[in-house]
């Protein structure tokens, strides 16, 4: 495994505005901590209102030149960016491991997917087209034509979460760059390091216009709100909690901003009795514990048919109990949770599960070692109204719910799956084509933006675009999204 780039994290990290590193105007900093050890990594400049104002001004000043740049040149710059990301993959991945705690293989996957996103969207830069039509009203505008033209919306505010820092930053800046927009990325205060380096890499490319992309790490209540409230910001793209997403939507309405919100999840995974059970059980643990379950796409509600329920509970518990948890250099299967605060939140959910009568099959404890580690935890005999079933935990806690076999089993499974305020991702296992069709293709089907018949977690850039609706960063009229 490569060593972390210590020369990049020994000194305090700054903001990156208008192509230059600079301190926060207030002089404030915050600590970024390695969740795998609990030790301080470095201090990071904490952007505030004045810094957001400066970053937005830089993006606004660069907007016309970037929008008017030949799309082929924008595309070429994005391809160079993809190359730079790949060339710096070890550096970016180890920064992600140190700052976020995820295993090296997972971090490297996020880095390489980020490069893939840049290549994918570089093609879109040259394919943003309008439409022309003949106006055929017999009384007005005879023999005339109308045409539409898509234009960049202008300055975008990009607010990213701590769970997939470099990937979520890339998911937002790639369509923004391709569509000729400029922006300010408000980086997560818990995991800013890899994204700071990512945005620095962009500015190392010859021909990039300073101010097109700016980075301001900081607190959501200060830097994030200032970005949302700024009148020169025309679009907000946010990934994070549902509660914060609601507030962003309300505040954005004050200045008539467009918004793209990717919020929480509590993904259902249905296992029918005719499924390939070894594969289904392994996938349930893998998809439920992905990123230590700090993922809105994690399948944390396992819905199992009665005829195989006991077998599946035992199998899932066995796999989970053998899942290694550790620091990324130990090459464990899963890493820590992000912070002491998040760990305590997870433990409170585990206690709530016990109090409400769920059966704790395995796990349920904090791991006694430096850092922030929780045992993979499996609850069985859950009911749909339990707190651990209804609320997003963002930790390695899976809830298993039983549905009856026989007549009406498909309808009951789907009813349980859809009894949730969330709808980001779902999946199912069955060998019966009719059940698969019911789960996918009628009004009572699994109501999720993405449905996986193999419960896969990774997706292609094109599917990511459809499920996250990030292409709305372009100037097109906002479309209805799942």
Protein backbone atom coordinates (compact mmCIF):
# COMPACT_ATOMS: atom_id res chain seq x y z
CA UNK A 1 0.00 0.00 0.00
CA UNK A 2 1.31 3.49 -0.80
CA UNK A 3 2.22 5.95 1.94
CA UNK A 4 -0.04 8.96 2.52
CA UNK A 5 1.30 12.19 0.96
CA UNK A 6 2.50 13.65 4.26
CA UNK A 7 3.88 16.77 2.58
CA UNK A 8 0.32 17.72 1.66
CA UNK A 9 -1.23 17.31 5.10
CA UNK A 10 1.45 18.39 7.60
CA UNK A 11 0.63 22.08 7.31
CA UNK A 12 -2.76 23.71 7.66
CA UNK A 13 -4.88 23.36 4.54
CA UNK A 14 -6.26 26.50 2.94
CA UNK A 15 -9.21 27.53 0.79
CA UNK A 16 -8.77 27.45 -2.98
CA UNK A 17 -10.31 30.55 -4.59
CA UNK A 18 -9.67 32.03 -8.02
CA UNK A 19 -6.82 29.60 -8.65
CA UNK A 20 -4.96 30.44 -5.44
CA UNK A 21 -4.57 29.03 -1.95
CA UNK A 22 -5.62 31.42 0.78
CA UNK A 23 -6.51 31.45 4.46
CA UNK A 24 -10.04 32.01 5.68
CA UNK A 25 -10.66 35.73 6.12
CA UNK A 26 -11.66 35.11 9.72
CA UNK A 27 -8.49 33.14 10.40
CA UNK A 28 -10.61 30.25 11.71
CA UNK A 29 -9.61 26.62 11.22
CA UNK A 30 -11.08 23.26 12.14
CA UNK A 31 -9.49 19.90 12.88
CA UNK A 32 -9.75 16.98 10.51
CA UNK A 33 -9.28 13.68 12.34
CA UNK A 34 -8.31 10.23 11.09
CA UNK A 35 -11.33 8.08 12.04
CA UNK A 36 -9.21 4.95 11.90
CA UNK A 37 -6.95 6.11 14.73
CA UNK A 38 -8.76 9.05 16.31
CA UNK A 39 -5.63 11.16 15.78
CA UNK A 40 -5.46 14.68 14.35
CA UNK A 41 -4.38 14.78 10.69
CA UNK A 42 -4.17 18.53 10.21
CA UNK A 43 -6.04 21.79 10.54
CA UNK A 44 -8.14 23.15 7.68
CA UNK A 45 -9.19 26.73 6.98
CA UNK A 46 -12.86 27.18 7.87
CA UNK A 47 -14.56 29.29 5.24
CA UNK A 48 -17.23 31.76 6.24
CA UNK A 49 -19.55 34.27 4.61
CA UNK A 50 -16.75 36.55 3.38
CA UNK A 51 -14.92 33.61 1.81
CA UNK A 52 -18.08 32.38 0.08
CA UNK A 53 -18.63 35.90 -1.26
CA UNK A 54 -15.07 35.97 -2.65
CA UNK A 55 -15.44 32.51 -4.21
CA UNK A 56 -18.79 33.35 -5.82
CA UNK A 57 -17.33 36.58 -7.18
CA UNK A 58 -14.44 34.63 -8.73
CA UNK A 59 -16.87 32.14 -10.29
CA UNK A 60 -19.07 34.97 -11.57
CA UNK A 61 -16.10 36.74 -13.16
CA UNK A 62 -15.02 33.54 -14.91
CA UNK A 63 -18.52 32.57 -16.07
CA UNK A 64 -18.67 34.40 -19.40
CA UNK A 65 -15.27 33.23 -20.63
CA UNK A 66 -15.94 29.64 -19.61
CA UNK A 67 -19.44 29.59 -21.11
CA UNK A 68 -18.17 31.03 -24.40
CA UNK A 69 -15.22 28.67 -24.65
CA UNK A 70 -15.40 26.28 -27.59
CA UNK A 71 -17.11 23.14 -26.23
CA UNK A 72 -14.41 21.01 -27.84
CA UNK A 73 -11.81 22.83 -25.74
CA UNK A 74 -13.87 22.32 -22.57
CA UNK A 75 -14.11 18.65 -23.46
CA UNK A 76 -10.36 18.39 -23.99
CA UNK A 77 -9.65 20.04 -20.63
CA UNK A 78 -11.95 17.55 -18.91
CA UNK A 79 -10.14 14.66 -20.60
CA UNK A 80 -6.84 16.05 -19.33
CA UNK A 81 -8.46 16.26 -15.89
CA UNK A 82 -9.37 12.57 -16.06
CA UNK A 83 -5.75 11.77 -16.92
CA UNK A 84 -4.49 13.86 -14.00
CA UNK A 85 -6.83 12.05 -11.61
CA UNK A 86 -5.57 8.66 -12.77
CA UNK A 87 -1.93 9.76 -12.58
CA UNK A 88 -2.49 10.92 -9.00
CA UNK A 89 -4.65 7.94 -8.02
CA UNK A 90 -2.42 6.63 -5.21
CA UNK A 91 -2.13 10.08 -3.68
CA UNK A 92 -5.87 10.78 -3.86
CA UNK A 93 -6.83 7.32 -2.57
CA UNK A 94 -4.50 7.47 0.45
CA UNK A 95 -5.78 10.94 1.32
CA UNK A 96 -9.29 9.48 1.21
CA UNK A 97 -8.25 6.56 3.42
CA UNK A 98 -6.64 8.79 6.04
CA UNK A 99 -9.43 11.35 6.10
CA UNK A 100 -12.47 9.12 5.63
CA UNK A 101 -11.26 5.74 6.94
CA UNK A 102 -12.43 3.57 4.05
CA UNK A 103 -10.34 0.62 2.82
CA UNK A 104 -7.77 1.37 0.14
CA UNK A 105 -9.58 -0.67 -2.53
CA UNK A 106 -12.80 1.24 -1.95
CA UNK A 107 -10.99 4.57 -2.04
CA UNK A 108 -9.19 3.65 -5.24
CA UNK A 109 -12.52 2.64 -6.78
CA UNK A 110 -13.94 6.07 -5.96
CA UNK A 111 -10.91 7.78 -7.51
CA UNK A 112 -11.06 5.77 -10.73
CA UNK A 113 -14.81 6.29 -11.00
CA UNK A 114 -14.16 10.02 -10.66
CA UNK A 115 -11.85 9.88 -13.67
CA UNK A 116 -14.47 7.89 -15.56
CA UNK A 117 -17.08 10.56 -14.79
CA UNK A 118 -14.87 13.28 -16.27
CA UNK A 119 -14.47 11.29 -19.48
CA UNK A 120 -18.17 10.55 -19.67
CA UNK A 121 -19.22 14.17 -19.23
CA UNK A 122 -16.50 15.45 -21.55
CA UNK A 123 -18.60 13.98 -24.36
CA UNK A 124 -21.67 15.87 -23.18
CA UNK A 125 -19.80 19.14 -23.48
CA UNK A 126 -20.07 18.82 -27.27
CA UNK A 127 -23.63 17.53 -27.32
CA UNK A 128 -25.67 20.26 -25.65
CA UNK A 129 -28.08 21.15 -28.42
CA UNK A 130 -31.24 23.19 -28.85
CA UNK A 131 -34.22 22.67 -31.13
CA UNK A 132 -35.84 24.55 -33.98
CA UNK A 133 -39.39 24.24 -35.34
CA UNK A 134 -41.66 25.93 -37.82
CA UNK A 135 -44.46 27.99 -36.29
CA UNK A 136 -47.65 26.97 -38.06
CA UNK A 137 -50.31 29.13 -36.44
CA UNK A 138 -52.48 30.33 -39.33
CA UNK A 139 -53.09 33.75 -37.76
CA UNK A 140 -49.77 34.64 -36.20
CA UNK A 141 -46.11 34.16 -37.10
CA UNK A 142 -46.82 32.59 -40.47
CA UNK A 143 -43.76 31.15 -42.25
CA UNK A 144 -41.56 31.76 -39.23
CA UNK A 145 -39.34 29.56 -37.13
CA UNK A 146 -38.78 29.25 -33.41
CA UNK A 147 -35.67 27.84 -31.85
CA UNK A 148 -34.53 27.05 -28.35
CA UNK A 149 -31.00 27.30 -27.09
CA UNK A 150 -29.61 25.85 -23.89
CA UNK A 151 -27.33 28.17 -21.98
CA UNK A 152 -25.35 27.66 -18.76
CA UNK A 153 -27.30 28.66 -15.68
CA UNK A 154 -24.24 30.49 -14.32
CA UNK A 155 -22.67 30.05 -10.90
CA UNK A 156 -23.48 26.77 -9.15
CA UNK A 157 -23.16 25.96 -5.46
CA UNK A 158 -22.00 22.38 -4.87
CA UNK A 159 -22.42 20.96 -1.37
CA UNK A 160 -20.92 17.51 -0.86
CA UNK A 161 -21.10 14.94 1.96
CA UNK A 162 -18.36 13.29 4.00
CA UNK A 163 -19.09 9.67 3.08
CA UNK A 164 -17.84 9.68 -0.55
CA UNK A 165 -15.85 12.93 -0.67
CA UNK A 166 -13.93 12.74 -3.94
CA UNK A 167 -16.63 10.81 -5.79
CA UNK A 168 -19.47 13.13 -4.81
CA UNK A 169 -17.37 16.19 -5.59
CA UNK A 170 -16.65 14.72 -9.03
CA UNK A 171 -20.30 13.83 -9.60
CA UNK A 172 -21.16 17.49 -9.18
CA UNK A 173 -18.30 19.28 -10.88
CA UNK A 174 -18.23 17.06 -14.00
CA UNK A 175 -21.68 18.07 -15.39
CA UNK A 176 -21.09 21.61 -14.20
CA UNK A 177 -17.86 21.92 -16.19
CA UNK A 178 -19.31 20.20 -19.26
CA UNK A 179 -22.32 22.52 -19.42
CA UNK A 180 -20.23 25.70 -19.23
CA UNK A 181 -21.15 26.61 -15.66
CA UNK A 182 -18.79 27.80 -12.95
CA UNK A 183 -19.08 27.13 -9.27
CA UNK A 184 -18.09 26.94 -5.66
CA UNK A 185 -17.67 23.57 -3.96
CA UNK A 186 -18.46 23.68 -0.23
CA UNK A 187 -16.40 20.74 0.96
CA UNK A 188 -17.42 18.60 3.94
CA UNK A 189 -15.79 19.64 7.19
CA UNK A 190 -15.15 16.02 8.21
CA UNK A 191 -13.39 14.92 5.00
CA UNK A 192 -12.08 17.83 2.89
CA UNK A 193 -8.55 16.67 2.00
CA UNK A 194 -9.00 14.56 -1.14
CA UNK A 195 -11.37 17.08 -2.74
CA UNK A 196 -8.98 19.96 -2.06
CA UNK A 197 -6.27 18.06 -3.90
CA UNK A 198 -8.71 17.16 -6.69
CA UNK A 199 -9.56 20.80 -7.33
CA UNK A 200 -5.88 21.75 -7.17
CA UNK A 201 -5.22 19.14 -9.90
CA UNK A 202 -7.80 20.87 -12.13
CA UNK A 203 -5.86 24.11 -11.89
CA UNK A 204 -2.61 22.41 -12.88
CA UNK A 205 -3.99 21.90 -16.40
CA UNK A 206 -2.84 24.41 -19.01
CA UNK A 207 -5.73 26.46 -20.37
CA UNK A 208 -7.97 26.29 -17.30
CA UNK A 209 -9.54 29.64 -16.40
CA UNK A 210 -8.98 30.63 -12.74
CA UNK A 211 -12.25 31.00 -10.86
CA UNK A 212 -14.19 28.39 -12.83
CA UNK A 213 -13.95 26.00 -9.88
CA UNK A 214 -13.39 27.12 -6.30
CA UNK A 215 -13.18 25.15 -3.05
CA UNK A 216 -14.31 26.37 0.36
CA UNK A 217 -14.24 23.81 3.18
CA UNK A 218 -16.27 24.92 6.15
CA UNK A 219 -19.25 24.40 8.41
CA UNK A 220 -22.63 23.89 6.82
CA UNK A 221 -24.34 26.37 9.13
CA UNK A 222 -21.96 29.11 8.01
CA UNK A 223 -20.36 28.44 4.61
CA UNK A 224 -23.17 26.20 3.37
CA UNK A 225 -25.96 28.61 4.25
CA UNK A 226 -24.04 31.54 2.79
CA UNK A 227 -23.71 29.67 -0.49
CA UNK A 228 -27.41 28.75 -0.57
CA UNK A 229 -28.48 32.31 0.24
CA UNK A 230 -26.13 34.09 -2.20
CA UNK A 231 -28.11 35.91 -4.91
CA UNK A 232 -25.48 35.34 -7.60
CA UNK A 233 -25.64 31.56 -7.18
CA UNK A 234 -28.20 30.24 -9.66
CA UNK A 235 -28.16 26.54 -8.87
CA UNK A 236 -27.56 24.39 -5.76
CA UNK A 237 -26.61 20.72 -6.00
CA UNK A 238 -26.66 19.06 -2.58
CA UNK A 239 -26.05 15.57 -1.29
CA UNK A 240 -26.77 14.95 2.37
CA UNK A 241 -29.51 14.45 4.90
CA UNK A 242 -33.19 14.86 4.16
CA UNK A 243 -33.61 17.42 6.95
CA UNK A 244 -30.89 19.68 5.54
CA UNK A 245 -32.20 19.14 2.00
CA UNK A 246 -35.60 20.46 3.03
CA UNK A 247 -34.02 23.58 4.50
CA UNK A 248 -31.97 24.13 1.34
CA UNK A 249 -35.09 23.86 -0.82
CA UNK A 250 -36.89 26.40 1.36
CA UNK A 251 -34.00 28.88 1.38
CA UNK A 252 -33.35 28.46 -2.35
CA UNK A 253 -36.93 29.51 -3.05
CA UNK A 254 -36.13 32.96 -1.66
CA UNK A 255 -33.79 33.64 -4.59
CA UNK A 256 -35.52 31.33 -7.13
CA UNK A 257 -32.59 28.94 -7.38
CA UNK A 258 -32.75 25.62 -9.14
CA UNK A 259 -31.95 22.70 -6.87
CA UNK A 260 -30.84 19.11 -7.27
CA UNK A 261 -31.09 17.19 -4.02
CA UNK A 262 -29.87 13.66 -3.37
CA UNK A 263 -30.95 12.88 0.16
CA UNK A 264 -31.22 9.94 2.54
CA UNK A 265 -31.95 6.30 1.95
CA UNK A 266 -33.09 3.16 3.71
CA UNK A 267 -32.75 0.68 0.89
CA UNK A 268 -34.88 -2.48 0.85
CA UNK A 269 -33.45 -5.80 -0.34
CA UNK A 270 -36.12 -8.47 -0.87
CA UNK A 271 -35.02 -12.12 -0.73
CA UNK A 272 -37.64 -14.51 -2.08
CA UNK A 273 -37.59 -18.18 -1.15
CA UNK A 274 -36.58 -19.28 -4.65
CA UNK A 275 -33.48 -17.06 -4.72
CA UNK A 276 -29.87 -18.20 -4.91
CA UNK A 277 -29.52 -17.94 -1.15
CA UNK A 278 -25.71 -18.03 -0.76
CA UNK A 279 -25.42 -15.22 -3.29
CA UNK A 280 -28.33 -13.31 -1.76
CA UNK A 281 -26.94 -13.54 1.78
CA UNK A 282 -23.45 -12.47 0.71
CA UNK A 283 -24.86 -9.59 -1.26
CA UNK A 284 -27.09 -8.53 1.63
CA UNK A 285 -24.07 -8.10 3.90
CA UNK A 286 -21.92 -6.52 1.20
CA UNK A 287 -24.57 -4.02 0.09
CA UNK A 288 -25.81 -3.39 3.59
CA UNK A 289 -22.33 -2.73 4.99
CA UNK A 290 -20.84 -0.92 1.99
CA UNK A 291 -18.76 2.04 3.19
CA UNK A 292 -19.52 0.78 6.73
CA UNK A 293 -23.17 1.48 5.81
CA UNK A 294 -22.40 5.20 5.59
CA UNK A 295 -24.22 5.30 2.28
CA UNK A 296 -27.74 6.33 1.36
CA UNK A 297 -27.70 3.51 -1.21
CA UNK A 298 -26.93 0.81 1.37
CA UNK A 299 -29.50 -1.99 1.58
CA UNK A 300 -30.11 -1.85 5.33
CA UNK A 301 -33.65 -3.32 5.32
CA UNK A 302 -33.49 -7.04 4.46
CA UNK A 303 -36.98 -8.39 3.69
CA UNK A 304 -37.00 -12.21 3.70
CA UNK A 305 -39.63 -14.78 2.79
CA UNK A 306 -40.84 -16.92 5.69
CA UNK A 307 -39.91 -20.25 4.06
CA UNK A 308 -36.18 -19.40 4.16
CA UNK A 309 -36.17 -16.82 6.94
CA UNK A 310 -34.28 -18.76 9.62
CA UNK A 311 -31.67 -19.94 7.13
CA UNK A 312 -31.11 -16.44 5.80
CA UNK A 313 -30.91 -14.87 9.27
CA UNK A 314 -28.31 -17.42 10.33
CA UNK A 315 -26.34 -17.01 7.10
CA UNK A 316 -26.32 -13.20 7.16
CA UNK A 317 -25.32 -13.16 10.83
CA UNK A 318 -22.48 -15.58 10.13
CA UNK A 319 -21.11 -13.52 7.26
CA UNK A 320 -21.46 -10.27 9.20
CA UNK A 321 -19.71 -11.65 12.26
CA UNK A 322 -16.74 -12.66 10.09
CA UNK A 323 -16.48 -9.22 8.45
CA UNK A 324 -13.19 -7.64 9.54
CA UNK A 325 -13.21 -4.02 10.70
CA UNK A 326 -10.01 -2.01 10.89
CA UNK A 327 -7.64 0.75 9.84
CA UNK A 328 -7.06 0.88 6.09
CA UNK A 329 -3.44 -0.26 6.38
CA UNK A 330 -4.67 -3.47 8.03
CA UNK A 331 -6.52 -4.29 4.78
CA UNK A 332 -9.75 -4.98 6.66
CA UNK A 333 -13.02 -5.45 4.79
CA UNK A 334 -14.65 -2.41 6.37
CA UNK A 335 -13.38 0.70 8.09
CA UNK A 336 -14.45 2.90 10.97
CA UNK A 337 -17.43 5.22 11.16
CA UNK A 338 -16.56 8.86 10.61
CA UNK A 339 -16.48 10.35 14.12
CA UNK A 340 -17.15 9.85 17.79
CA UNK A 341 -20.42 11.76 17.40
CA UNK A 342 -21.57 9.43 14.62
CA UNK A 343 -20.52 6.39 16.65
CA UNK A 344 -22.62 7.51 19.60
CA UNK A 345 -25.59 8.09 17.28
CA UNK A 346 -25.25 4.53 15.93
CA UNK A 347 -25.05 3.10 19.45
CA UNK A 348 -28.25 4.95 20.38
CA UNK A 349 -30.03 3.25 17.47
CA UNK A 350 -28.74 -0.14 18.59
CA UNK A 351 -30.17 0.51 22.05
CA UNK A 352 -33.46 1.61 20.47
CA UNK A 353 -33.62 -1.65 18.52
CA UNK A 354 -33.20 -3.67 21.69
CA UNK A 355 -35.78 -1.58 23.54
CA UNK A 356 -38.38 -2.02 20.80
CA UNK A 357 -38.05 -5.81 20.83
CA UNK A 358 -35.86 -6.57 17.83
CA UNK A 359 -33.66 -9.65 18.30
CA UNK A 360 -29.95 -8.84 18.33
CA UNK A 361 -28.35 -11.72 16.44
CA UNK A 362 -24.76 -10.51 16.28
CA UNK A 363 -22.72 -7.40 17.02
CA UNK A 364 -24.11 -4.42 18.86
CA UNK A 365 -20.93 -3.20 20.51
CA UNK A 366 -18.24 -0.62 20.07
CA UNK A 367 -14.93 -2.26 19.17
CA UNK A 368 -12.35 -1.63 21.88
CA UNK A 369 -9.49 -0.01 19.97
CA UNK A 370 -8.36 3.49 18.99
CA UNK A 371 -10.59 5.11 16.39
CA UNK A 372 -14.34 4.87 15.82
CA UNK A 373 -15.36 1.27 15.20
CA UNK A 374 -18.70 -0.50 15.62
CA UNK A 375 -19.26 -4.24 15.24
CA UNK A 376 -21.33 -5.32 12.22
CA UNK A 377 -24.77 -5.58 13.80
CA UNK A 378 -27.73 -7.68 12.70
CA UNK A 379 -31.24 -7.40 14.13
CA UNK A 380 -33.86 -10.04 13.27
CA UNK A 381 -37.61 -10.27 13.91
CA UNK A 382 -38.00 -6.58 13.17
CA UNK A 383 -41.32 -4.94 12.40
CA UNK A 384 -41.81 -2.22 9.87
CA UNK A 385 -42.68 0.43 12.45
CA UNK A 386 -39.46 0.13 14.46
CA UNK A 387 -37.11 3.09 14.64
CA UNK A 388 -34.18 1.05 13.29
CA UNK A 389 -36.31 0.10 10.27
CA UNK A 390 -37.76 3.51 9.49
CA UNK A 391 -34.84 5.85 10.15
CA UNK A 392 -31.50 6.19 8.39
CA UNK A 393 -28.74 5.07 10.79
CA UNK A 394 -25.62 5.57 8.63
CA UNK A 395 -23.80 2.79 10.41
CA UNK A 396 -23.29 -1.01 10.16
CA UNK A 397 -26.73 -2.02 11.41
CA UNK A 398 -29.03 -4.24 9.31
CA UNK A 399 -32.67 -5.00 10.10
CA UNK A 400 -34.28 -8.25 8.89
CA UNK A 401 -38.05 -8.38 8.39
CA UNK A 402 -40.13 -11.47 7.58
CA UNK A 403 -42.92 -11.74 5.01
CA UNK A 404 -45.27 -14.72 4.57
CA UNK A 405 -44.92 -17.38 1.91
CA UNK A 406 -47.74 -18.41 -0.39
CA UNK A 407 -50.52 -16.35 -1.93
CA UNK A 408 -49.97 -12.63 -1.59
CA UNK A 409 -46.29 -12.98 -0.70
CA UNK A 410 -45.07 -10.69 -3.49
CA UNK A 411 -47.60 -8.01 -2.58
CA UNK A 412 -46.66 -8.17 1.10
CA UNK A 413 -42.92 -7.96 0.35
CA UNK A 414 -43.45 -4.93 -1.89
CA UNK A 415 -45.72 -3.29 0.66
CA UNK A 416 -43.02 -3.61 3.34
CA UNK A 417 -40.34 -2.38 0.92
CA UNK A 418 -42.36 0.71 0.05
CA UNK A 419 -43.33 1.51 3.64
CA UNK A 420 -40.55 4.06 3.97
CA UNK A 421 -40.09 7.80 3.45
CA UNK A 422 -37.00 7.03 1.37
CA UNK A 423 -36.71 5.92 -2.25
CA UNK A 424 -33.12 6.10 -3.44
CA UNK A 425 -32.24 2.48 -4.14
CA UNK A 426 -33.70 -0.99 -3.75
CA UNK A 427 -33.14 -4.54 -4.92
CA UNK A 428 -34.44 -8.09 -4.89
CA UNK A 429 -33.36 -11.70 -5.38
CA UNK A 430 -35.58 -14.24 -7.12
CA UNK A 431 -35.33 -16.87 -9.84
CA UNK A 432 -38.99 -16.38 -10.82
CA UNK A 433 -39.50 -14.09 -13.80
CA UNK A 434 -43.05 -13.19 -12.80
CA UNK A 435 -41.90 -12.04 -9.36
CA UNK A 436 -39.14 -10.02 -10.98
CA UNK A 437 -41.66 -8.40 -13.30
CA UNK A 438 -43.95 -7.56 -10.38
CA UNK A 439 -41.04 -6.08 -8.44
CA UNK A 440 -39.98 -3.90 -11.36
CA UNK A 441 -42.84 -3.12 -13.63
CA UNK A 442 -46.22 -2.22 -12.16
CA UNK A 443 -47.77 0.37 -9.89
CA UNK A 444 -46.96 -1.57 -6.71
CA UNK A 445 -43.33 -2.28 -7.68
CA UNK A 446 -40.36 -1.28 -5.54
CA UNK A 447 -40.50 2.51 -5.55
CA UNK A 448 -36.85 3.44 -5.78
CA UNK A 449 -34.91 5.62 -8.19
CA UNK A 450 -32.58 2.68 -8.89
CA UNK A 451 -33.64 -0.97 -8.61
CA UNK A 452 -31.00 -3.69 -8.81
CA UNK A 453 -31.96 -7.25 -9.64
CA UNK A 454 -28.53 -8.35 -8.44
CA UNK A 455 -28.38 -5.70 -5.71
CA UNK A 456 -25.22 -4.24 -7.18
CA UNK A 457 -23.86 -1.11 -5.52
CA UNK A 458 -21.59 0.21 -8.25
CA UNK A 459 -23.17 1.80 -11.30
CA UNK A 460 -22.08 3.41 -14.53
CA UNK A 461 -21.87 7.17 -15.05
CA UNK A 462 -24.98 7.08 -17.24
CA UNK A 463 -27.02 5.30 -14.56
CA UNK A 464 -25.63 7.65 -11.93
CA UNK A 465 -26.85 10.54 -14.04
CA UNK A 466 -30.36 9.11 -14.24
CA UNK A 467 -30.67 8.20 -10.57
CA UNK A 468 -29.02 11.31 -9.14
CA UNK A 469 -30.26 13.76 -11.77
CA UNK A 470 -26.95 15.58 -11.76
CA UNK A 471 -27.14 16.44 -15.44
CA UNK A 472 -29.57 19.14 -14.35
CA UNK A 473 -26.49 21.25 -13.69
CA UNK A 474 -26.79 22.20 -17.35
CA UNK A 475 -29.08 24.96 -18.57
CA UNK A 476 -31.95 22.68 -19.45
CA UNK A 477 -35.30 23.16 -17.79
CA UNK A 478 -35.38 21.14 -14.55
CA UNK A 479 -36.94 17.75 -15.21
CA UNK A 480 -38.96 15.65 -12.80
CA UNK A 481 -36.64 13.26 -11.01
CA UNK A 482 -37.18 10.24 -8.83
